[in-house]
Amino acid sequence: MRFRSPHESAKPVNSWRDTASDEAQQTLDDLFDTALQLAVQHVAKRGGFLPFAVSAADGDPISIEMLGEKADALRTIDLLWSSLRERRDDLAAAALW
């Protein structure tokens, strides 16, 4: 359980981790770690990154979706969201960076 700063109410604040299963927590941690590592690698190598999606399906490794270097960023976001929406029933978690 987390607490607010001393300047705010001292009432406990629930975290999503308080109610999420260990498996759900691990899936989200893995998803975030994968996305963050990829973004950091691209920033270090290229000075930035194009939008990409990461997703997790039950029992499968983390999936990464990216389009080519020449892709328009806004169009890429639309295409990635569409892809995630189409697969939403099979996904445990997803994020677009």
Protein backbone atom coordinates (compact mmCIF):
# COMPACT_ATOMS: atom_id res chain seq x y z
CA MET A 1 0.00 0.00 0.00
CA ARG A 2 1.33 3.48 -0.86
CA PHE A 3 0.82 6.69 1.06
CA ARG A 4 0.48 10.23 -0.22
CA SER A 5 3.08 12.86 0.53
CA PRO A 6 2.96 14.52 3.97
CA HIS A 7 1.35 17.54 2.31
CA GLU A 8 -1.69 15.51 1.32
CA SER A 9 -4.14 13.37 3.22
CA ALA A 10 -2.53 10.53 5.16
CA LYS A 11 -5.18 8.09 3.98
CA PRO A 12 -3.71 4.99 2.27
CA VAL A 13 -3.95 4.95 -1.52
CA ASN A 14 -4.58 1.64 -3.21
CA SER A 15 -2.26 0.60 -6.01
CA TRP A 16 -3.31 -1.62 -8.89
CA ARG A 17 -0.71 -4.05 -7.52
CA ASP A 18 -2.82 -4.49 -4.38
CA THR A 19 -5.48 -6.36 -6.34
CA ALA A 20 -3.69 -7.69 -9.44
CA SER A 21 -2.51 -11.29 -9.50
CA ASP A 22 1.21 -12.04 -9.48
CA GLU A 23 0.86 -13.23 -13.08
CA ALA A 24 -0.82 -9.98 -14.17
CA GLN A 25 1.83 -7.92 -12.40
CA GLN A 26 4.62 -9.89 -14.11
CA THR A 27 2.97 -9.56 -17.52
CA LEU A 28 2.65 -5.78 -17.15
CA ASP A 29 6.21 -5.49 -15.80
CA ASP A 30 7.53 -7.49 -18.78
CA LEU A 31 5.48 -5.41 -21.22
CA PHE A 32 6.75 -2.14 -19.76
CA ASP A 33 10.37 -3.37 -19.57
CA THR A 34 10.32 -4.50 -23.21
CA ALA A 35 8.85 -1.21 -24.42
CA LEU A 36 11.21 0.90 -22.35
CA GLN A 37 14.29 -1.03 -23.47
CA LEU A 38 13.28 -0.71 -27.12
CA ALA A 39 12.61 3.02 -26.80
CA VAL A 40 15.94 3.63 -25.02
CA GLN A 41 17.83 1.63 -27.67
CA HIS A 42 16.24 3.62 -30.49
CA VAL A 43 16.85 6.96 -28.79
CA ALA A 44 20.50 6.05 -28.16
CA LYS A 45 21.00 4.83 -31.73
CA ARG A 46 18.80 7.25 -33.71
CA GLY A 47 18.03 10.13 -31.38
CA GLY A 48 14.33 9.19 -31.21
CA PHE A 49 11.88 6.47 -32.08
CA LEU A 50 8.84 5.96 -34.24
CA PRO A 51 5.62 4.73 -32.62
CA PHE A 52 5.47 1.03 -31.83
CA ALA A 53 3.16 -1.36 -30.01
CA VAL A 54 3.94 -4.06 -27.49
CA SER A 55 1.43 -6.70 -26.50
CA ALA A 56 1.11 -9.83 -24.41
CA ALA A 57 -1.20 -12.74 -25.04
CA ASP A 58 -1.75 -15.38 -22.38
CA GLY A 59 1.25 -17.69 -22.29
CA ASP A 60 3.02 -16.08 -25.25
CA PRO A 61 6.16 -13.94 -25.23
CA ILE A 62 5.86 -10.17 -25.58
CA SER A 63 5.11 -9.15 -29.16
CA ILE A 64 6.52 -5.97 -30.75
CA GLU A 65 4.92 -4.29 -33.78
CA MET A 66 6.74 -1.59 -35.74
CA LEU A 67 6.43 -0.15 -39.22
CA GLY A 68 9.26 0.92 -41.51
CA GLU A 69 11.59 3.84 -40.93
CA LYS A 70 9.85 5.90 -43.61
CA ALA A 71 6.37 5.54 -42.13
CA ASP A 72 4.38 8.62 -41.15
CA ALA A 73 4.13 8.70 -37.33
CA LEU A 74 0.40 9.58 -37.18
CA ARG A 75 -0.49 6.95 -39.76
CA THR A 76 1.65 4.44 -37.85
CA ILE A 77 -0.28 5.14 -34.64
CA ASP A 78 -3.59 4.58 -36.45
CA LEU A 79 -2.37 1.30 -37.94
CA LEU A 80 -0.97 0.04 -34.64
CA TRP A 81 -4.19 0.89 -32.76
CA SER A 82 -6.19 -0.91 -35.44
CA SER A 83 -3.99 -3.97 -35.13
CA LEU A 84 -4.32 -4.02 -31.34
CA ARG A 85 -8.10 -3.53 -31.55
CA GLU A 86 -8.44 -6.45 -33.97
CA ARG A 87 -6.57 -8.73 -31.54
CA ARG A 88 -8.02 -7.35 -28.29
CA ASP A 89 -9.89 -10.54 -27.40
CA ASP A 90 -6.62 -12.51 -27.52
CA LEU A 91 -4.48 -9.99 -25.62
CA ALA A 92 -3.81 -9.86 -21.89
CA ALA A 93 -2.20 -6.40 -22.16
CA ALA A 94 -0.99 -3.93 -24.77
CA ALA A 95 0.66 -0.53 -25.01
CA LEU A 96 1.42 1.93 -27.76
CA TRP A 97 4.61 3.99 -27.44
